[in-house]
Structures are given as structure tokens and as C-alpha cells.
Amino acid sequence: MLELPEPDGVLSAADVKEVAADIIGLLPLEGIEGSPLDSDDIWPVVTLASVNQSSVWEVTSQTDDTPCDDTVLNWLHTLQRGQLEMAANILFRHLALTILDPDRSRIVSIDFVDNPYHGSPDEDAGELCTTSPTDGTTTCHRYCTAYVVSNGKPVTLALTYVRSDEKEADAVERVLDRVGTYPFDVDLLLADRGFYNERVIRRARDLATTVIPVKKKGERMKDKLDTHCSYMSTYRMYKDSERELRFPLAVSVSYQNDDRGKHGEVVRGYVACDLGDRTPTQVERRYRKRSAIETSYRLFRQARATTTTQDPLVRFAFVIVSFLLENLWLVLRWAVVARPRRGGRDLPEQFTFQTFCDWIRHELEVELQRRWETEMNGVGVPDAYASAAG
């Protein structure tokens, strides 16, 4: 599926563009029956829009060897969610296992990615989720992701689209089911407090040791967090009901000594499944490992196409392409460019994600014949302006 360039020469922009085209071209695009085009005419436009952080319209209006933007979007409107999501997760798996040792256990984090959205749904209200006010809106398209917590290989493992008319726990279970198919063991599973949910906790603890911050609601939980000393305890969610769930609770008390202008005690509680023998401080340190997720999400947003379309599947496709590009960069960076050394590979500072995107941009602009000229007005400076300047 993925043929990497031989690592004994040099990696060129053409090599990078070809590998990216091979991977992204595997996303299923049904297309328009009877059209003289095929998906190989569509995905390069989307890829160039992604690395440019621009729109399909901007790409097609500035290149000669591309269909018009309406044609590209008409093709993209034929995407099927089930096929697209399945293919994307197969590609995520393939890219991840290219550089991840299946015999080594991993720390995995799950999270929701919200893309702010202005406007009305395309077909039904379930397409949109509610989020905190961002960019002047409280609606978004939401995705659930899982990625490996690693300084050198923070690859995305799985991704799913989340609808507001389904339980978020359903989306989380889809992602965790996919993580569970990987051949390596999950040493630790991390998630933010948005995943503090009975079903999620049950499924997560079946997969691995789990740490999730608790929500400070309910009198019993508030009592647990009303303390000045760190301690370990057991908490019973939905106490004395059929849904009762018991889990180790780590309550950590720390102090802010002028941290960002803040002072005083901070009390945090964590679901600490399979960590009942650890101290609250040890649990909290484990949870802080997930902070690397912000770097991964910042990179993915550097290669996401913009659009005004209401179609959630087109927007989903743009997100998938962004994550695939990031994963591919990690694969090339580690497997082809990084030099072996004692204690691990020496990751090249010069082959950044921005460089990776710039190389693809350059090759696609040549391939799609970007226009480097524009028609003059045939008039020049008005006589009155010319006289004033004289």
C-alpha cells in the first residue's frame, strides 16, 4: 500500500508529493456517473488546498490544469461516510504500523476535535454539535480521535465523525474498538474530563490502565474534592443503582505559586483505573503526558483546506486529508530521513511539517500549472494622476 523512497539517497519534493498522492488517492470517491474525470483529477486539488490552507476555489482559479471548483465540489458531494471513514482508518493503521514497534506498549490519548461552523445544517440538525463560543459561533462539526503520546511519533490511530443525535460514548467506543485492533499493548489510556462518562470508563478500563479527570458535579463528588490533602479513595458512580460503577479516585492537591498570576490550592480528581496502588501525584503526572496532543492538533490545522460548503462529509474529508498528511510526514521523517544513533534516531530539525507541506505545494503547483501572470488593464495610470505625479 505504501512504498517509501529508498533511504540511501536523498528525499526530494517529487518523492514526497508522489507518496502523498498514493495515500490520499486511496480514499474512496464515488464520483459523477458519465464524467470524463476520475478521482485522480480531484484529490490533487484537495491536497493543494490543504497544504495551502486555502479553498478549492482558490486552487482552481489559480491553476490551468484543474477542473472548475463546482466540478470538484460536485465530485466531493458523492462521498459516502461509511466508506470514507473505514478507508481512512485503514490508512491510519497502515501508516502507524509502518513506524510503531508492535511489541512495544504505548500511551494513547483520545480527544474530541471541534471545527467551528457558521451557518445552518446541510440536511439535518444532528450534523452539528454545540461547543463553547469560538470564532463567534457555538456550533461545530465534531470528530473523536485517538493518537499515540510520543515525542517522536505522535501518530493518529483512529478517527470518527460525531453527530449530536448520538451518544458521544458511541463515538468513543468506535474509536476505542479500532485502537483495540492494533497489535501493540496500550500501557495507558488518557482522556480529558469530557470523557468522564460511565460507558466510556467501562470500555476504556477494559482496554488499558485509564486516567480521566472527574467532573466537579454532584454532592458526593464535591465532598470528595473538599479537602486540603491528597489521597486515594474509591468512588461509586450511580451509587446503589443497576449502573453503579466503582473506580479508584485520585484526589491531588497542589499549589499555584504565582503560576500565571494565580495563587493558592488546586484540587483535582482523577479516575485512576488500575492505578489504585499509586499516589495521587503519580496519577497526575501520568495524566500530564497528554499535553502533547495540542502539538499534534496544531500541526494538523496547518494542512487543512478551508471551505464554505455546508456538506459535513466534504468537511470531514478535508479533516481526514489533514491528519493523513501529518501522519505521512511523521513516517517519512522517522523512517526515511532520521539517522540511527545510540538510544534512538536523530530526528531532523530541517524536515519540518511546514517544509513537507511546502514541497508538496511546489510540486502540485507545477503539475497543475499554476498561473504566474495576470492580464493587464490596458489603460495604465489615469492622465490626471500622471500629471499630478509629474
Protein backbone atom coordinates (compact mmCIF):
# COMPACT_ATOMS: atom_id res chain seq x y z
CA MET A 1 0.00 0.00 0.00
CA LEU A 2 2.77 2.44 0.97
CA GLU A 3 6.06 2.38 -0.93
CA LEU A 4 8.57 4.56 0.85
CA PRO A 5 11.51 6.10 -1.02
CA GLU A 6 14.79 4.25 -0.52
CA PRO A 7 16.59 5.77 2.49
CA ASP A 8 20.10 5.56 0.97
CA GLY A 9 19.81 8.63 -1.27
CA VAL A 10 18.05 11.95 -0.97
CA LEU A 11 14.38 12.67 -0.35
CA SER A 12 13.03 15.11 -2.92
CA ALA A 13 9.89 17.20 -3.16
CA ALA A 14 8.77 14.95 -6.02
CA ASP A 15 9.14 11.89 -3.79
CA VAL A 16 7.06 13.49 -1.06
CA LYS A 17 4.32 14.55 -3.46
CA GLU A 18 4.13 11.09 -5.04
CA VAL A 19 3.81 9.30 -1.70
CA ALA A 20 1.15 11.78 -0.56
CA ALA A 21 -0.76 11.27 -3.81
CA ASP A 22 -0.58 7.47 -3.41
CA ILE A 23 -2.01 7.61 0.12
CA ILE A 24 -4.72 10.24 -0.37
CA GLY A 25 -5.70 8.71 -3.70
CA LEU A 26 -6.83 5.59 -1.82
CA LEU A 27 -9.74 7.46 -0.22
CA PRO A 28 -12.93 6.22 -1.94
CA LEU A 29 -14.66 8.81 -4.11
CA GLU A 30 -17.67 7.50 -5.99
CA GLY A 31 -17.81 10.41 -8.40
CA ILE A 32 -20.29 11.51 -11.04
CA GLU A 33 -21.52 8.86 -13.45
CA GLY A 34 -20.56 9.61 -17.03
CA SER A 35 -18.00 12.23 -16.07
CA PRO A 36 -14.77 12.25 -18.13
CA LEU A 37 -12.87 12.85 -14.88
CA ASP A 38 -11.77 10.44 -12.19
CA SER A 39 -10.67 10.77 -8.56
CA ASP A 40 -7.06 11.39 -9.67
CA ASP A 41 -8.29 14.74 -11.00
CA ILE A 42 -9.97 15.65 -7.71
CA TRP A 43 -7.67 14.64 -4.85
CA PRO A 44 -4.66 16.72 -6.05
CA VAL A 45 -6.88 19.82 -5.90
CA VAL A 46 -7.91 18.96 -2.34
CA THR A 47 -4.31 18.23 -1.37
CA LEU A 48 -3.07 21.56 -2.74
CA ALA A 49 -5.89 23.39 -0.94
CA SER A 50 -4.85 21.58 2.26
CA VAL A 51 -1.16 22.44 2.18
CA ASN A 52 -2.08 26.00 1.16
CA GLN A 53 -4.71 26.27 3.91
CA SER A 54 -6.90 27.68 1.14
CA SER A 55 -10.12 26.71 -0.63
CA VAL A 56 -10.86 24.57 -3.67
CA TRP A 57 -12.00 27.75 -5.43
CA GLU A 58 -8.65 29.46 -4.81
CA VAL A 59 -6.75 26.45 -6.19
CA THR A 60 -8.86 26.03 -9.32
CA SER A 61 -8.96 29.76 -10.06
CA GLN A 62 -5.16 29.97 -9.95
CA THR A 63 -4.31 26.84 -11.96
CA ASP A 64 -4.89 25.80 -15.57
CA ASP A 65 -4.82 22.01 -15.42
CA THR A 66 -7.67 21.57 -12.92
CA PRO A 67 -11.47 21.23 -13.19
CA CYS A 68 -13.57 24.18 -12.07
CA ASP A 69 -14.40 24.43 -8.38
CA ASP A 70 -18.06 23.47 -8.91
CA THR A 71 -16.99 20.26 -10.61
CA VAL A 72 -14.58 19.38 -7.81
CA LEU A 73 -17.22 20.00 -5.15
CA ASN A 74 -19.85 18.05 -7.10
CA TRP A 75 -17.50 15.10 -7.01
CA LEU A 76 -16.80 15.55 -3.31
CA HIS A 77 -20.53 15.67 -2.59
CA THR A 78 -20.68 11.99 -3.67
CA LEU A 79 -18.56 10.88 -0.69
CA GLN A 80 -20.12 8.17 1.47
CA ARG A 81 -19.44 8.49 5.20
CA GLY A 82 -19.14 4.79 5.99
CA GLN A 83 -16.75 4.05 3.12
CA LEU A 84 -14.71 7.18 3.75
CA GLU A 85 -14.31 6.58 7.48
CA MET A 86 -13.44 2.91 7.05
CA ALA A 87 -10.82 3.64 4.38
CA ALA A 88 -9.33 6.48 6.43
CA ASN A 89 -8.91 4.27 9.49
CA ILE A 90 -7.28 1.53 7.41
CA LEU A 91 -4.80 4.14 6.15
CA PHE A 92 -4.19 5.47 9.67
CA ARG A 93 -3.44 1.93 10.81
CA HIS A 94 -1.10 1.23 7.90
CA LEU A 95 0.86 4.45 8.40
CA ALA A 96 1.08 3.99 12.17
CA LEU A 97 2.34 0.41 11.97
CA THR A 98 4.99 1.46 9.47
CA ILE A 99 6.90 3.13 12.31
CA LEU A 100 5.46 1.70 15.56
CA ASP A 101 7.03 -1.42 17.03
CA PRO A 102 4.13 -3.87 17.58
CA ASP A 103 6.00 -5.44 20.52
CA ARG A 104 6.27 -2.21 22.49
CA SER A 105 3.42 -0.91 24.63
CA ARG A 106 2.12 2.62 24.03
CA ILE A 107 0.41 5.50 25.78
CA VAL A 108 -2.73 6.50 23.88
CA SER A 109 -4.87 9.61 24.26
CA ILE A 110 -8.39 10.18 23.00
CA ASP A 111 -9.94 13.57 22.40
CA PHE A 112 -12.65 15.47 20.56
CA VAL A 113 -11.67 17.80 17.74
CA ASP A 114 -14.16 20.63 17.19
CA ASN A 115 -14.18 22.63 13.96
CA PRO A 116 -16.23 25.82 14.47
CA TYR A 117 -19.06 26.18 11.95
CA HIS A 118 -21.10 29.20 10.94
CA GLY A 119 -24.43 28.52 9.27
CA SER A 120 -27.24 26.01 9.20
CA PRO A 121 -27.03 22.21 8.80
CA ASP A 122 -26.84 20.76 5.32
CA GLU A 123 -29.61 18.18 5.81
CA ASP A 124 -30.44 17.72 9.50
CA ALA A 125 -29.63 19.23 12.87
CA GLY A 126 -27.74 16.13 14.01
CA GLU A 127 -24.77 17.15 11.86
CA LEU A 128 -23.83 19.93 14.27
CA CYS A 129 -22.65 19.78 17.87
CA THR A 130 -22.60 22.53 20.47
CA THR A 131 -19.29 23.87 21.72
CA SER A 132 -18.00 26.76 23.80
CA PRO A 133 -18.08 30.11 21.96
CA THR A 134 -15.28 30.11 19.36
CA ASP A 135 -14.81 32.42 16.37
CA GLY A 136 -18.23 33.94 17.00
CA THR A 137 -20.18 30.67 16.96
CA THR A 138 -21.27 27.93 19.35
CA THR A 139 -21.80 25.21 16.71
CA CYS A 140 -19.20 22.88 15.26
CA HIS A 141 -18.53 19.67 13.41
CA ARG A 142 -17.01 17.24 15.89
CA TYR A 143 -14.63 14.31 15.49
CA CYS A 144 -13.27 11.82 18.01
CA THR A 145 -9.62 10.82 17.62
CA ALA A 146 -7.05 8.58 19.23
CA TYR A 147 -3.33 9.16 18.94
CA VAL A 148 -0.07 7.85 20.36
CA VAL A 149 1.50 10.03 23.04
CA SER A 150 5.09 10.24 21.81
CA ASN A 151 7.64 12.99 21.23
CA GLY A 152 8.87 11.41 18.02
CA LYS A 153 5.85 9.52 16.71
CA PRO A 154 2.58 11.20 17.80
CA VAL A 155 0.62 9.42 15.06
CA THR A 156 -3.16 9.40 14.79
CA LEU A 157 -4.52 5.87 15.25
CA ALA A 158 -8.25 6.30 14.63
CA LEU A 159 -10.85 8.90 13.78
CA THR A 160 -14.65 9.01 13.67
CA TYR A 161 -17.32 11.59 12.90
CA VAL A 162 -19.55 12.55 15.86
CA ARG A 163 -23.20 13.55 15.49
CA SER A 164 -25.16 15.43 18.14
CA ASP A 165 -28.08 13.00 17.88
CA GLU A 166 -25.93 10.08 19.03
CA LYS A 167 -24.38 9.50 22.41
CA GLU A 168 -20.77 10.65 22.48
CA ALA A 169 -19.97 7.35 24.21
CA ASP A 170 -20.94 5.58 20.96
CA ALA A 171 -18.31 7.54 19.04
CA VAL A 172 -15.72 6.89 21.75
CA GLU A 173 -16.44 3.17 21.63
CA ARG A 174 -15.93 3.16 17.84
CA VAL A 175 -12.52 4.75 18.29
CA LEU A 176 -11.51 2.50 21.19
CA ASP A 177 -12.62 -0.58 19.24
CA ARG A 178 -10.23 0.45 16.46
CA VAL A 179 -7.42 1.11 18.91
CA GLY A 180 -8.04 -2.34 20.36
CA THR A 181 -7.26 -3.98 17.00
CA TYR A 182 -3.68 -2.68 16.97
CA PRO A 183 -1.08 -5.39 17.69
CA PHE A 184 0.70 -3.43 20.43
CA ASP A 185 -0.47 -3.24 24.04
CA VAL A 186 -1.89 0.02 25.34
CA ASP A 187 0.05 0.76 28.51
CA LEU A 188 -2.01 3.83 29.47
CA LEU A 189 -5.14 5.49 28.12
CA LEU A 190 -5.64 9.22 28.73
CA ALA A 191 -8.65 11.47 28.11
CA ASP A 192 -9.91 14.85 29.28
CA ARG A 193 -12.93 15.40 31.52
CA GLY A 194 -15.25 15.46 28.51
CA PHE A 195 -14.91 11.67 28.59
CA TYR A 196 -16.00 11.36 32.22
CA ASN A 197 -18.85 9.03 31.37
CA GLU A 198 -19.85 5.64 32.77
CA ARG A 199 -19.83 3.84 29.41
CA VAL A 200 -16.54 5.39 28.37
CA ILE A 201 -14.85 4.49 31.65
CA ARG A 202 -16.07 0.89 31.44
CA ARG A 203 -14.84 0.48 27.87
CA ALA A 204 -11.55 2.28 28.50
CA ARG A 205 -10.61 0.27 31.58
CA ASP A 206 -11.24 -2.95 29.63
CA LEU A 207 -8.62 -1.78 27.15
CA ALA A 208 -5.92 -0.34 29.41
CA THR A 209 -4.97 1.50 32.58
CA THR A 210 -7.02 4.69 32.37
CA VAL A 211 -6.76 8.23 33.72
CA ILE A 212 -9.62 10.73 33.23
CA PRO A 213 -10.26 13.93 35.21
CA VAL A 214 -13.59 13.86 37.05
CA LYS A 215 -16.30 16.49 36.69
CA LYS A 216 -16.94 18.53 39.80
CA LYS A 217 -20.68 17.92 40.00
CA GLY A 218 -22.87 16.03 42.43
CA GLU A 219 -22.78 16.40 46.18
CA ARG A 220 -20.79 13.21 46.79
CA MET A 221 -18.07 14.19 44.32
CA LYS A 222 -17.94 17.73 45.70
CA ASP A 223 -17.47 16.26 49.18
CA LYS A 224 -14.61 14.09 47.89
CA LEU A 225 -12.88 17.15 46.43
CA ASP A 226 -13.44 19.32 49.51
CA THR A 227 -10.03 18.63 51.02
CA HIS A 228 -6.61 20.12 51.69
CA CYS A 229 -4.72 16.82 51.48
CA SER A 230 -4.08 14.47 48.56
CA TYR A 231 -5.45 10.95 48.97
CA MET A 232 -6.61 7.81 47.14
CA SER A 233 -10.15 6.53 47.51
CA THR A 234 -12.86 4.53 45.78
CA TYR A 235 -15.78 6.27 44.12
CA ARG A 236 -19.16 4.75 43.25
CA MET A 237 -20.75 6.38 40.23
CA TYR A 238 -24.55 5.92 40.14
CA LYS A 239 -24.38 4.51 43.67
CA ASP A 240 -26.90 1.78 44.55
CA SER A 241 -28.32 1.58 41.02
CA GLU A 242 -28.03 -1.03 38.28
CA ARG A 243 -25.47 1.21 36.55
CA GLU A 244 -23.23 1.51 39.62
CA LEU A 245 -19.58 1.78 38.65
CA ARG A 246 -16.71 1.65 41.14
CA PHE A 247 -13.31 3.05 40.29
CA PRO A 248 -10.17 4.27 42.11
CA LEU A 249 -10.33 8.02 42.67
CA ALA A 250 -7.10 10.02 42.95
CA VAL A 251 -7.53 13.40 44.61
CA SER A 252 -4.49 15.59 44.12
CA VAL A 253 -3.91 18.86 45.98
CA SER A 254 -1.25 21.16 44.54
CA TYR A 255 -0.31 24.78 45.00
CA GLN A 256 -0.07 27.61 42.48
CA ASN A 257 2.87 29.79 43.37
CA ASP A 258 2.26 32.75 41.09
CA ASP A 259 1.66 30.34 38.18
CA ARG A 260 0.24 32.63 35.50
CA GLY A 261 -0.64 35.09 38.22
CA LYS A 262 -2.60 32.52 40.25
CA HIS A 263 -2.10 31.54 43.88
CA GLY A 264 -3.49 29.03 46.35
CA GLU A 265 -4.59 25.41 46.38
CA VAL A 266 -5.83 23.48 43.37
CA VAL A 267 -7.77 20.28 43.96
CA ARG A 268 -8.14 17.87 41.06
CA GLY A 269 -9.77 14.45 40.95
CA TYR A 270 -8.94 11.65 38.51
CA VAL A 271 -10.48 8.35 37.54
CA ALA A 272 -7.47 6.08 38.07
CA CYS A 273 -8.45 2.64 36.81
CA ASP A 274 -5.78 0.04 37.62
CA LEU A 275 -3.76 2.67 39.48
CA GLY A 276 -5.15 2.17 42.96
CA ASP A 277 -1.65 1.39 44.26
CA ARG A 278 -0.20 4.73 43.05
CA THR A 279 -0.11 8.09 44.78
CA PRO A 280 -2.30 10.98 43.56
CA THR A 281 0.85 12.82 42.46
CA GLN A 282 1.92 9.85 40.33
CA VAL A 283 -1.53 9.66 38.74
CA GLU A 284 -1.49 13.38 37.96
CA ARG A 285 1.96 13.13 36.39
CA ARG A 286 0.72 10.38 34.13
CA TYR A 287 -2.22 12.47 33.04
CA ARG A 288 0.00 15.41 32.13
CA LYS A 289 1.59 13.31 29.40
CA ARG A 290 -1.43 14.04 27.21
CA SER A 291 -0.47 17.70 26.91
CA ALA A 292 1.43 16.75 23.74
CA ILE A 293 -1.91 16.42 21.96
CA GLU A 294 -2.01 20.19 21.43
CA THR A 295 1.12 19.98 19.26
CA SER A 296 -0.45 17.28 17.12
CA TYR A 297 -3.65 19.27 16.62
CA ARG A 298 -1.74 22.45 15.86
CA LEU A 299 0.12 20.66 13.07
CA PHE A 300 -3.00 19.13 11.56
CA ARG A 301 -4.57 22.58 11.30
CA GLN A 302 -1.56 23.74 9.26
CA ALA A 303 -2.70 21.48 6.42
CA ARG A 304 -6.48 21.81 6.41
CA ALA A 305 -8.39 23.16 3.45
CA THR A 306 -10.95 25.90 4.04
CA THR A 307 -14.46 25.79 2.65
CA THR A 308 -17.87 27.42 2.84
CA THR A 309 -19.76 24.26 1.91
CA GLN A 310 -22.44 23.04 4.30
CA ASP A 311 -21.77 19.40 3.41
CA PRO A 312 -20.39 17.76 6.57
CA LEU A 313 -18.81 14.91 4.60
CA VAL A 314 -16.76 17.29 2.46
CA ARG A 315 -15.57 18.98 5.65
CA PHE A 316 -14.87 15.54 7.17
CA ALA A 317 -12.82 14.61 4.10
CA PHE A 318 -10.70 17.76 4.49
CA VAL A 319 -10.01 16.83 8.13
CA ILE A 320 -9.05 13.27 7.12
CA VAL A 321 -6.64 14.56 4.47
CA SER A 322 -5.03 16.84 7.07
CA PHE A 323 -4.44 14.03 9.55
CA LEU A 324 -3.17 11.70 6.79
CA LEU A 325 -0.66 14.33 5.68
CA GLU A 326 0.56 14.76 9.26
CA ASN A 327 0.93 11.00 9.71
CA LEU A 328 2.75 10.67 6.40
CA TRP A 329 5.18 13.40 7.42
CA LEU A 330 5.90 11.54 10.66
CA VAL A 331 6.53 8.32 8.71
CA LEU A 332 8.92 9.97 6.24
CA ARG A 333 10.63 11.94 8.99
CA TRP A 334 11.32 8.89 11.10
CA ALA A 335 11.73 6.05 8.58
CA VAL A 336 13.46 7.83 5.70
CA VAL A 337 15.22 10.96 6.99
CA ALA A 338 16.05 10.42 10.69
CA ARG A 339 19.53 8.94 11.25
CA PRO A 340 20.02 5.93 13.54
CA ARG A 341 22.07 6.59 16.65
CA ARG A 342 22.58 5.03 20.05
CA GLY A 343 19.41 5.48 22.12
CA GLY A 344 17.12 6.18 19.16
CA ARG A 345 17.01 8.04 15.87
CA ASP A 346 18.18 11.60 15.41
CA LEU A 347 15.09 13.42 14.14
CA PRO A 348 15.99 16.08 11.55
CA GLU A 349 15.13 19.61 12.57
CA GLN A 350 15.17 20.89 9.00
CA PHE A 351 12.47 18.49 7.72
CA THR A 352 9.58 20.22 9.48
CA PHE A 353 5.91 19.74 8.75
CA GLN A 354 5.93 23.17 7.10
CA THR A 355 8.78 22.04 4.82
CA PHE A 356 6.85 18.86 4.00
CA CYS A 357 3.80 20.94 3.01
CA ASP A 358 5.92 23.42 1.05
CA TRP A 359 7.42 20.61 -1.03
CA ILE A 360 4.01 19.17 -1.87
CA ARG A 361 2.74 22.66 -2.70
CA HIS A 362 5.66 23.30 -5.06
CA GLU A 363 5.25 20.01 -6.95
CA LEU A 364 1.48 20.33 -7.27
CA GLU A 365 1.70 23.92 -8.48
CA VAL A 366 3.98 22.72 -11.29
CA GLU A 367 1.80 19.68 -12.04
CA LEU A 368 -1.46 21.63 -12.05
CA GLN A 369 0.13 24.53 -13.94
CA ARG A 370 -0.29 27.38 -11.54
CA ARG A 371 -0.69 30.74 -13.28
CA TRP A 372 2.12 33.17 -12.61
CA GLU A 373 0.71 36.03 -14.66
CA THR A 374 -2.48 38.07 -14.82
CA GLU A 375 -4.00 40.19 -17.56
CA MET A 376 -3.13 43.89 -17.53
CA ASN A 377 -5.84 46.56 -17.67
CA GLY A 378 -4.68 48.14 -20.95
CA VAL A 379 -5.18 51.62 -19.50
CA GLY A 380 -2.39 52.34 -17.08
CA VAL A 381 -2.31 55.36 -14.77
CA PRO A 382 -5.07 57.95 -15.49
CA ASP A 383 -3.72 61.14 -17.07
CA ALA A 384 -4.78 63.30 -14.11
CA TYR A 385 -2.74 61.09 -11.72
CA ALA A 386 0.25 61.12 -14.09
CA SER A 387 0.17 64.94 -14.29
CA ALA A 388 -0.02 65.27 -10.51
CA ALA A 389 2.90 62.91 -10.11
CA GLY A 390 4.90 64.95 -12.63
